Every structure is written in structure tokens, then in C-alpha cells.
């Protein structure tokens, strides 16, 4: 069994656990969210050790757990507005703590902390995606969303590996990413959404657009995390899955695609 197969088996396992949490109860989902936040931010913090940069302890975790609590247990969309001032305070605190703790290099310490907060917040849109759109059979929406991200990513890796005359998407950031793979991701993502058109209760055009939105932003999320790893001179975010990487390596495609999918659904709900 090759490394890519094991990678996607881990992804499917994580998908099943997450969907179980969504389906079972809000408390189970909150516990799952807290677990992922703590592990992911710990991995993120360890990524910077080689460069002697130390994103602040606890601040990203506290803000991430608070945001997940609001998204899960507060159903009124107006109550979610409290998150904006909390994140703003978190950004200000990242600079204040840098000064008080004399954390050098000052700018990189603050910016790495802010980046942790922003990435966590964006990733939590997976939760917001489900609980805000209950009138759209939201469990099916989140299931199709997860399946689309994983299928598109798998298609990109297979096509990118076996195609001839490779044209690289961003060779300096991620040598394995090809334009052919990106195109395969786009096509497969649209096909997955079309396959479940009845579950989504969308028109065919909306399904295709939904697939395109997920595909494009999932690939940018992947490249964003790859950019951080490339700058830090590391291959994997952690070793939670041993030689197959860490949890951030498994979640990178969801970081940007979740908010993109959310706002797509928001737009079609108000238009």
C-alpha cells in the first residue's frame, strides 16, 4: 500500500469521524472541534521551531475554541457577530504579548500568531457551513462538501503523478502540483456535486458552480499551507500520522474552501 493510498485512508477516517460528530450531537461536534484545534495549532507552532519563531501559546487556541463554541451552540446568526471583536482583540493582543514577552523576531512572532488565528477561524467555517444552512438539508451539504474536497484532491494527485508533459502550477511552492492535476480536481469536483444533485437540491448550474468554488479554493488552501512549509524548510506539518504527515496536512484543503462554500450558499439563499 503506497503512501498516497494511506494518506487518503486517513482522510476518509477523519471524514467519517467528523460526519459522525455532525450527525450525533452538538456536544460531540464541539469535542471533535476542540481536539482538532489543539492538535492543529500545536503542529503549527512546532513548524516554526526550526526558525526560532514562537507563535504565542494559548491565544490562538482560546480564540479558536471560543469561535467553535459560538458556531456550534449559537443558532442565531446575529450572535455570531461577537466573533469579529474577539478576533480583533486577538490580533491586538498578538502585538502586545510580543512586546511584553520581548519575543524576537518581533514582527514574525506577531504575524505567525495572527496567521494561526486566521487559519483557525477560516477552517471553522466547516461548522458554520452546516449549522447555518439547516433549511438546505445541511447534513447532506456537508457530506457532499467533504466528499468533493477529498475526491478532487485525490484526482489531482493521480493525474499529476501519471500525466506526461507536466506543466507545474507553482513549482517553487509545491513541485507535485500540476496544471493537469488542477484541471482534474476541477472536473471531478463538479462531477461529484452533479452526482448528488438531488441531495443538494440545487439546479445543475448551481451544482457545477458549487463544485468549481470548492475545487478552486481547496487548491489555494493546499498551496497556502505548502507555502508556509516551504518557507520553513519542512515537508510535513507534524507526525500525527507518522511518515504521512500531520493533521494540518490533511486539513489544508478545507481552510479556504469552507468559507468559500459558505458564502456561495449564502448568496444563492438570498438571491
Protein backbone atom coordinates (compact mmCIF):
# COMPACT_ATOMS: atom_id res chain seq x y z
CA UNK A 1 0.00 0.00 0.00
CA UNK A 2 1.64 3.24 -1.12
CA UNK A 3 1.86 6.46 0.88
CA UNK A 4 -0.84 8.28 -1.12
CA UNK A 5 -3.34 5.46 -0.53
CA UNK A 6 -2.66 5.53 3.20
CA UNK A 7 -2.92 9.33 3.14
CA UNK A 8 -6.42 9.17 1.72
CA UNK A 9 -7.45 6.34 4.03
CA UNK A 10 -6.55 8.64 6.91
CA UNK A 11 -8.56 11.38 5.20
CA UNK A 12 -11.60 9.12 4.86
CA UNK A 13 -11.29 8.07 8.50
CA UNK A 14 -11.18 11.72 9.58
CA UNK A 15 -14.18 12.40 7.33
CA UNK A 16 -16.22 9.60 8.91
CA UNK A 17 -15.38 10.76 12.44
CA UNK A 18 -16.29 14.34 11.59
CA UNK A 19 -19.59 13.39 9.93
CA UNK A 20 -20.43 11.21 12.91
CA UNK A 21 -19.86 14.22 15.16
CA UNK A 22 -22.10 16.39 12.98
CA UNK A 23 -24.83 13.76 12.99
CA UNK A 24 -24.63 12.61 16.61
CA UNK A 25 -24.83 15.81 18.66
CA UNK A 26 -23.53 19.33 19.02
CA UNK A 27 -21.54 18.33 22.09
CA UNK A 28 -19.75 15.59 20.14
CA UNK A 29 -19.01 18.09 17.38
CA UNK A 30 -17.64 20.60 19.90
CA UNK A 31 -15.36 17.97 21.46
CA UNK A 32 -14.15 16.98 17.98
CA UNK A 33 -13.54 20.65 17.08
CA UNK A 34 -11.58 21.32 20.29
CA UNK A 35 -9.44 18.22 19.71
CA UNK A 36 -8.60 19.24 16.13
CA UNK A 37 -7.91 22.87 17.12
CA UNK A 38 -5.48 21.89 19.88
CA UNK A 39 -3.62 19.34 17.75
CA UNK A 40 -3.52 21.53 14.63
CA UNK A 41 -2.25 24.66 16.41
CA UNK A 42 0.32 22.64 18.34
CA UNK A 43 1.58 21.29 14.99
CA UNK A 44 1.55 24.81 13.57
CA UNK A 45 3.60 26.12 16.50
CA UNK A 46 6.14 23.31 16.20
CA UNK A 47 6.59 24.06 12.49
CA UNK A 48 8.25 27.37 13.40
CA UNK A 49 10.77 25.99 15.90
CA UNK A 50 13.43 25.43 13.26
CA UNK A 51 13.37 29.16 12.50
CA UNK A 52 13.31 30.02 16.22
CA UNK A 53 9.93 31.71 15.89
CA UNK A 54 7.42 31.03 18.68
CA UNK A 55 3.75 31.90 17.97
CA UNK A 56 2.17 32.79 21.31
CA UNK A 57 0.90 29.95 23.48
CA UNK A 58 -2.82 29.60 24.19
CA UNK A 59 -4.02 32.75 22.34
CA UNK A 60 -4.91 31.01 19.03
CA UNK A 61 -6.38 28.02 20.90
CA UNK A 62 -8.58 30.17 23.14
CA UNK A 63 -9.93 32.18 20.21
CA UNK A 64 -10.44 29.03 18.11
CA UNK A 65 -12.34 27.21 20.87
CA UNK A 66 -14.46 30.31 21.55
CA UNK A 67 -15.33 30.62 17.85
CA UNK A 68 -16.24 26.94 17.60
CA UNK A 69 -18.50 27.28 20.65
CA UNK A 70 -20.33 30.23 19.08
CA UNK A 71 -20.68 28.49 15.70
CA UNK A 72 -21.99 25.26 17.22
CA UNK A 73 -24.23 26.36 20.08
CA UNK A 74 -25.50 29.76 18.91
CA UNK A 75 -28.04 29.28 16.14
CA UNK A 76 -28.95 32.98 15.72
CA UNK A 77 -26.66 34.40 13.03
CA UNK A 78 -26.68 37.78 14.83
CA UNK A 79 -24.95 36.17 17.82
CA UNK A 80 -22.04 35.22 15.57
CA UNK A 81 -21.14 38.90 15.22
CA UNK A 82 -19.38 38.75 18.59
CA UNK A 83 -16.59 36.82 16.88
CA UNK A 84 -15.41 39.91 14.93
CA UNK A 85 -14.37 41.93 18.02
CA UNK A 86 -12.87 38.80 19.62
CA UNK A 87 -10.59 38.21 16.61
CA UNK A 88 -9.72 41.93 16.51
CA UNK A 89 -8.73 41.79 20.18
CA UNK A 90 -6.72 38.65 19.46
CA UNK A 91 -4.77 40.43 16.71
CA UNK A 92 -4.04 43.37 19.03
CA UNK A 93 -3.00 41.02 21.83
CA UNK A 94 -0.58 39.27 19.49
CA UNK A 95 1.41 42.50 19.28
CA UNK A 96 1.02 43.40 22.97
CA UNK A 97 2.26 39.96 24.09
CA UNK A 98 5.20 40.19 21.70
CA UNK A 99 6.29 43.44 23.33
CA UNK A 100 5.67 42.31 26.92
CA UNK A 101 7.44 38.98 26.44
CA UNK A 102 10.22 40.54 24.34
CA UNK A 103 9.59 37.79 21.76
CA UNK A 104 12.11 38.09 18.94
CA UNK A 105 11.86 38.34 15.98
CA UNK A 106 9.06 40.74 16.87
CA UNK A 107 7.23 41.05 13.55
CA UNK A 108 7.43 37.37 12.65
CA UNK A 109 6.26 36.31 16.10
CA UNK A 110 3.19 38.54 15.90
CA UNK A 111 2.40 37.68 12.29
CA UNK A 112 2.75 33.94 12.87
CA UNK A 113 0.30 34.22 15.77
CA UNK A 114 -2.16 36.23 13.68
CA UNK A 115 -1.85 33.68 10.87
CA UNK A 116 -2.72 30.88 13.33
CA UNK A 117 -5.84 32.78 14.42
CA UNK A 118 -6.95 33.50 10.84
CA UNK A 119 -6.37 29.94 9.59
CA UNK A 120 -8.27 28.51 12.55
CA UNK A 121 -11.17 30.90 12.02
CA UNK A 122 -11.38 30.07 8.30
CA UNK A 123 -11.27 26.33 8.98
CA UNK A 124 -14.14 26.63 11.46
CA UNK A 125 -16.41 27.68 8.61
CA UNK A 126 -16.88 23.93 8.11
CA UNK A 127 -19.06 24.10 11.23
CA UNK A 128 -20.73 27.36 10.24
CA UNK A 129 -21.42 25.85 6.82
CA UNK A 130 -23.61 23.16 8.38
CA UNK A 131 -25.49 24.80 11.20
CA UNK A 132 -26.49 27.97 9.38
CA UNK A 133 -27.98 26.22 6.36
CA UNK A 134 -30.30 23.72 8.07
CA UNK A 135 -33.08 24.54 5.59
CA UNK A 136 -30.86 23.16 2.80
CA UNK A 137 -30.67 19.64 4.31
CA UNK A 138 -27.34 20.73 5.74
CA UNK A 139 -26.07 17.26 6.70
CA UNK A 140 -26.17 16.29 3.03
CA UNK A 141 -24.49 19.55 2.07
CA UNK A 142 -21.58 18.98 4.47
CA UNK A 143 -21.25 15.32 3.40
CA UNK A 144 -21.10 16.26 -0.29
CA UNK A 145 -18.70 19.10 0.53
CA UNK A 146 -16.26 16.76 2.30
CA UNK A 147 -16.53 14.14 -0.43
CA UNK A 148 -15.93 16.76 -3.12
CA UNK A 149 -12.78 18.09 -1.45
CA UNK A 150 -11.31 14.61 -0.91
CA UNK A 151 -12.24 13.34 -4.38
CA UNK A 152 -10.87 16.42 -6.14
CA UNK A 153 -7.62 16.24 -4.19
CA UNK A 154 -7.23 12.53 -4.97
CA UNK A 155 -7.92 13.10 -8.68
CA UNK A 156 -5.32 15.88 -8.79
CA UNK A 157 -2.65 13.69 -7.22
CA UNK A 158 -3.34 10.70 -9.51
CA UNK A 159 -3.43 12.74 -12.72
CA UNK A 160 -0.44 14.84 -11.67
CA UNK A 161 1.56 11.70 -10.97
CA UNK A 162 0.82 9.85 -14.21
CA UNK A 163 0.40 12.57 -16.83
CA UNK A 164 3.10 13.27 -19.40
CA UNK A 165 4.42 16.69 -20.37
CA UNK A 166 3.68 18.06 -16.91
CA UNK A 167 3.06 21.76 -16.52
CA UNK A 168 3.57 22.84 -12.94
CA UNK A 169 1.09 25.04 -11.13
CA UNK A 170 3.55 26.50 -8.60
CA UNK A 171 6.80 24.57 -8.88
CA UNK A 172 8.69 26.57 -6.24
CA UNK A 173 5.94 26.09 -3.66
CA UNK A 174 4.80 22.53 -4.34
CA UNK A 175 6.63 20.50 -7.01
CA UNK A 176 3.85 17.89 -7.09
CA UNK A 177 1.12 20.34 -8.12
CA UNK A 178 0.47 20.38 -11.88
CA UNK A 179 -1.95 22.24 -14.12
CA UNK A 180 -3.25 18.87 -15.35
CA UNK A 181 -3.90 17.85 -11.76
CA UNK A 182 -5.63 21.14 -11.02
CA UNK A 183 -7.89 20.62 -14.05
CA UNK A 184 -8.66 17.06 -12.90
CA UNK A 185 -9.55 18.40 -9.46
CA UNK A 186 -11.95 20.89 -11.04
CA UNK A 187 -13.66 18.32 -13.27
CA UNK A 188 -14.03 15.65 -10.58
CA UNK A 189 -15.32 18.19 -8.05
CA UNK A 190 -18.05 19.28 -10.47
CA UNK A 191 -18.94 15.66 -11.26
CA UNK A 192 -19.26 14.77 -7.57
CA UNK A 193 -21.63 17.70 -6.99
CA UNK A 194 -23.67 16.73 -10.07
CA UNK A 195 -23.80 13.13 -8.88
CA UNK A 196 -25.54 14.27 -5.70
CA UNK A 197 -27.69 16.97 -7.30
CA UNK A 198 -30.87 15.58 -5.72
CA UNK A 199 -29.38 15.57 -2.23
CA UNK A 200 -28.15 19.13 -2.61
CA UNK A 201 -31.47 20.25 -4.06
CA UNK A 202 -29.64 22.62 -6.44
CA UNK A 203 -30.04 23.24 -10.13
CA UNK A 204 -27.42 21.70 -12.41
CA UNK A 205 -25.78 25.10 -12.96
CA UNK A 206 -25.57 25.75 -9.22
CA UNK A 207 -24.07 22.29 -8.67
CA UNK A 208 -21.37 22.99 -11.24
CA UNK A 209 -20.58 26.39 -9.70
CA UNK A 210 -20.54 24.83 -6.22
CA UNK A 211 -18.04 22.22 -7.44
CA UNK A 212 -15.87 24.92 -9.05
CA UNK A 213 -15.86 27.05 -5.89
CA UNK A 214 -14.86 24.10 -3.71
CA UNK A 215 -12.17 22.95 -6.14
CA UNK A 216 -10.50 26.33 -6.69
CA UNK A 217 -10.39 27.36 -3.04
CA UNK A 218 -9.39 23.92 -1.76
CA UNK A 219 -6.37 24.05 -4.06
CA UNK A 220 -5.44 27.53 -2.87
CA UNK A 221 -5.73 26.34 0.73
CA UNK A 222 -3.39 23.46 -0.07
CA UNK A 223 -0.91 25.87 -1.67
CA UNK A 224 -1.16 28.29 1.27
CA UNK A 225 -0.09 25.64 3.79
CA UNK A 226 2.56 24.37 1.35
CA UNK A 227 3.91 27.94 1.14
CA UNK A 228 4.33 28.07 4.91
CA UNK A 229 6.04 24.67 4.98
CA UNK A 230 8.30 25.59 2.07
CA UNK A 231 9.36 28.83 3.78
CA UNK A 232 10.09 26.93 7.00
CA UNK A 233 12.00 24.20 5.18
CA UNK A 234 9.82 21.28 6.28
CA UNK A 235 7.93 18.60 4.38
CA UNK A 236 5.09 17.80 6.79
CA UNK A 237 3.28 19.83 9.43
CA UNK A 238 3.67 17.06 12.03
CA UNK A 239 3.87 13.33 12.63
CA UNK A 240 0.40 12.51 13.93
CA UNK A 241 0.08 10.07 11.00
CA UNK A 242 3.73 9.05 11.29
CA UNK A 243 5.55 9.36 7.94
CA UNK A 244 2.34 10.50 6.25
CA UNK A 245 2.28 13.90 7.91
CA UNK A 246 0.20 15.73 10.46
CA UNK A 247 -3.36 16.85 10.82
CA UNK A 248 -2.67 20.18 9.08
CA UNK A 249 -1.51 18.21 6.05
CA UNK A 250 -4.93 16.55 5.99
CA UNK A 251 -6.94 19.73 6.58
CA UNK A 252 -5.20 22.26 4.32
CA UNK A 253 -7.74 21.89 1.50
CA UNK A 254 -10.62 22.76 3.86
CA UNK A 255 -9.20 26.02 5.23
CA UNK A 256 -10.18 28.28 2.32
CA UNK A 257 -12.84 26.10 0.67
CA UNK A 258 -15.09 26.08 3.75
CA UNK A 259 -15.67 29.86 3.90
CA UNK A 260 -15.91 29.98 0.09
CA UNK A 261 -18.59 27.26 0.09
CA UNK A 262 -20.40 29.01 2.94
CA UNK A 263 -20.64 32.35 1.15
CA UNK A 264 -21.68 30.64 -2.07
CA UNK A 265 -24.57 29.03 -0.21
CA UNK A 266 -25.36 32.35 1.42
CA UNK A 267 -25.54 34.09 -1.94
CA UNK A 268 -27.87 31.54 -3.50
CA UNK A 269 -30.09 31.68 -0.41
CA UNK A 270 -30.64 35.45 -0.68
CA UNK A 271 -30.73 35.87 -4.46
